[in-house]
Amino acid sequence: MTDESKKPVAEQLINLKDDVNRIAERLGRLSCDNLKGSGERSIASPAPQVSVDAVAAALKARRLRVRYFHKNLFADPAWDMMLELLLAELIDRRMTVSRLCASAGVPATTALRWLNNMVQQRLLVRRDDPLDARRSFVELAPDTSSSLREYFREVG
């Protein structure tokens, strides 16, 4: 039995995902280097890698605020919703509209209003579930995802 097979499946999957991310990042750098040498421009630079732990810690810190300050002081759920969606993206989990609204920490009507505003501003993308007409999913728009990843790269 190898050392790898003794690890829990979840840990093996995380390690595999990290390996795939490293390979993808390396391929992206190689592609960019090849384009530079050929005089062509890269269409998009690879998105910075973001640690799931960093996003989870930011969410935890946001939630701890209400222990020290009145919750009405932080009634704007936009940042929390974007962090939840980034975390979902990083762990390859689809986020339903109802789950996102529930996780926002504000009344559902407020969360839904903010979600709709962010969709209109093209910060988020809402997609109908092809298997269940009553449900829809929400995800970060590509530019929003890139901006959040850059933010986490800068703040460390």
Protein backbone atom coordinates (compact mmCIF):
# COMPACT_ATOMS: atom_id res chain seq x y z
CA MET A 1 0.00 0.00 0.00
CA THR A 2 1.48 3.37 -1.02
CA ASP A 3 1.62 6.43 1.22
CA GLU A 4 -0.81 8.17 -1.15
CA SER A 5 -3.44 5.43 -0.80
CA LYS A 6 -3.35 5.77 3.01
CA LYS A 7 -4.53 9.39 2.83
CA PRO A 8 -8.25 10.14 3.09
CA VAL A 9 -9.98 10.50 -0.28
CA ALA A 10 -10.77 14.17 0.37
CA GLU A 11 -7.11 14.94 0.97
CA GLN A 12 -6.13 13.03 -2.17
CA LEU A 13 -8.65 15.05 -4.18
CA ILE A 14 -7.34 18.32 -2.78
CA ASN A 15 -3.78 17.29 -3.63
CA LEU A 16 -4.87 16.29 -7.12
CA LYS A 17 -6.67 19.60 -7.62
CA ASP A 18 -3.56 21.48 -6.46
CA ASP A 19 -1.46 19.49 -8.94
CA VAL A 20 -3.87 20.26 -11.77
CA ASN A 21 -3.86 23.96 -10.83
CA ARG A 22 -0.05 24.02 -10.87
CA ILE A 23 0.00 22.32 -14.26
CA ALA A 24 -2.61 24.72 -15.65
CA GLU A 25 -0.68 27.70 -14.32
CA ARG A 26 2.55 26.38 -15.86
CA LEU A 27 0.83 25.76 -19.20
CA GLY A 28 -0.59 29.27 -19.08
CA ARG A 29 2.86 30.74 -18.48
CA LEU A 30 4.32 28.65 -21.30
CA SER A 31 1.56 29.79 -23.66
CA CYS A 32 2.14 33.42 -22.74
CA ASP A 33 5.90 33.01 -23.21
CA ASN A 34 5.35 31.44 -26.64
CA LEU A 35 2.99 34.25 -27.68
CA LYS A 36 5.50 36.87 -26.56
CA GLY A 37 8.17 35.26 -28.69
CA SER A 38 5.90 35.15 -31.74
CA GLY A 39 4.86 38.79 -31.49
CA GLU A 40 1.24 37.87 -30.72
CA ARG A 41 -0.61 39.15 -27.69
CA SER A 42 -2.11 36.91 -25.07
CA ILE A 43 -5.90 37.16 -24.98
CA ALA A 44 -6.08 36.86 -21.21
CA SER A 45 -3.54 36.31 -18.52
CA PRO A 46 -4.16 33.38 -16.21
CA ALA A 47 -6.17 34.27 -13.12
CA PRO A 48 -4.10 34.44 -9.95
CA GLN A 49 -4.36 31.39 -7.75
CA VAL A 50 -6.34 32.02 -4.60
CA SER A 51 -6.23 29.90 -1.50
CA VAL A 52 -9.53 28.41 -0.39
CA ASP A 53 -8.31 29.00 3.16
CA ALA A 54 -7.78 32.72 2.49
CA VAL A 55 -11.32 33.16 1.19
CA ALA A 56 -12.78 31.06 4.00
CA ALA A 57 -10.85 33.14 6.55
CA ALA A 58 -12.16 36.36 5.01
CA LEU A 59 -15.72 35.03 5.24
CA LYS A 60 -15.20 33.96 8.84
CA ALA A 61 -13.79 37.37 9.74
CA ARG A 62 -16.78 39.07 8.12
CA ARG A 63 -19.18 36.93 10.14
CA LEU A 64 -17.36 37.58 13.40
CA ARG A 65 -17.98 41.33 13.10
CA VAL A 66 -21.48 40.99 14.53
CA ARG A 67 -20.00 39.82 17.84
CA TYR A 68 -18.45 43.24 18.25
CA PHE A 69 -20.65 45.62 16.27
CA HIS A 70 -24.36 45.91 15.55
CA LYS A 71 -25.33 43.86 12.49
CA ASN A 72 -27.09 46.84 10.86
CA LEU A 73 -23.70 48.45 10.46
CA PHE A 74 -22.90 45.73 7.91
CA ALA A 75 -26.25 45.44 6.13
CA ASP A 76 -24.73 45.50 2.62
CA PRO A 77 -24.39 41.85 1.58
CA ALA A 78 -22.59 42.39 -1.76
CA TRP A 79 -19.09 41.62 -0.50
CA ASP A 80 -20.22 38.57 1.46
CA MET A 81 -22.09 37.24 -1.56
CA MET A 82 -19.09 37.70 -3.84
CA LEU A 83 -16.83 35.95 -1.31
CA GLU A 84 -19.29 33.05 -1.06
CA LEU A 85 -19.34 32.76 -4.84
CA LEU A 86 -15.55 32.90 -5.07
CA LEU A 87 -15.30 30.15 -2.48
CA ALA A 88 -17.86 28.08 -4.41
CA GLU A 89 -15.85 28.64 -7.59
CA LEU A 90 -12.62 27.57 -5.92
CA ILE A 91 -14.09 24.32 -4.63
CA ASP A 92 -16.11 23.67 -7.80
CA ARG A 93 -19.48 23.91 -6.10
CA ARG A 94 -22.53 25.32 -7.84
CA MET A 95 -24.39 27.93 -5.82
CA THR A 96 -28.15 28.19 -6.00
CA VAL A 97 -29.79 31.58 -5.67
CA SER A 98 -31.58 30.45 -2.52
CA ARG A 99 -28.38 29.15 -0.89
CA LEU A 100 -26.53 32.37 -1.73
CA CYS A 101 -29.34 34.50 -0.31
CA ALA A 102 -29.43 32.40 2.86
CA SER A 103 -25.68 32.75 3.34
CA ALA A 104 -25.74 36.54 2.93
CA GLY A 105 -26.73 37.19 6.55
CA VAL A 106 -29.52 39.60 5.65
CA PRO A 107 -33.24 39.14 5.00
CA ALA A 108 -33.90 37.11 1.85
CA THR A 109 -35.60 40.04 0.11
CA THR A 110 -32.55 42.24 0.71
CA ALA A 111 -30.17 39.56 -0.53
CA LEU A 112 -32.29 38.95 -3.62
CA ARG A 113 -32.45 42.68 -4.38
CA TRP A 114 -28.65 42.92 -4.13
CA LEU A 115 -28.20 39.78 -6.22
CA ASN A 116 -30.44 41.18 -8.96
CA ASN A 117 -28.54 44.49 -8.89
CA MET A 118 -25.22 42.70 -9.22
CA VAL A 119 -26.58 40.63 -12.12
CA GLN A 120 -27.73 43.83 -13.84
CA GLN A 121 -24.28 45.34 -13.30
CA ARG A 122 -22.80 42.17 -14.83
CA LEU A 123 -20.86 41.34 -11.67
CA LEU A 124 -22.71 38.03 -11.35
CA VAL A 125 -24.28 35.62 -13.82
CA ARG A 126 -27.56 33.89 -13.11
CA ARG A 127 -28.30 30.65 -14.96
CA ASP A 128 -31.49 28.60 -14.99
CA ASP A 129 -31.20 24.98 -13.93
CA PRO A 130 -31.95 22.94 -17.06
CA LEU A 131 -33.22 20.06 -14.90
CA ASP A 132 -35.43 22.04 -12.52
CA ALA A 133 -37.26 25.14 -13.74
CA ARG A 134 -37.85 26.25 -10.14
CA ARG A 135 -34.14 26.64 -9.44
CA SER A 136 -31.38 28.82 -10.79
CA PHE A 137 -27.69 29.07 -10.12
CA VAL A 138 -25.52 32.11 -9.67
CA GLU A 139 -21.80 32.53 -10.29
CA LEU A 140 -19.24 35.26 -10.55
CA ALA A 141 -18.88 36.93 -13.92
CA PRO A 142 -15.39 36.27 -15.33
CA ASP A 143 -14.24 39.87 -14.75
CA THR A 144 -15.53 39.78 -11.17
CA SER A 145 -13.72 36.52 -10.51
CA SER A 146 -10.49 37.96 -11.90
CA SER A 147 -10.85 41.12 -9.82
CA LEU A 148 -11.46 39.15 -6.63
CA ARG A 149 -8.48 36.92 -7.34
CA GLU A 150 -6.30 39.99 -7.91
CA TYR A 151 -7.61 41.46 -4.66
CA PHE A 152 -6.63 38.34 -2.71
CA ARG A 153 -3.25 38.26 -4.45
CA GLU A 154 -2.59 41.83 -3.32
CA VAL A 155 -3.79 41.45 0.26
CA GLY A 156 -1.94 38.18 0.61
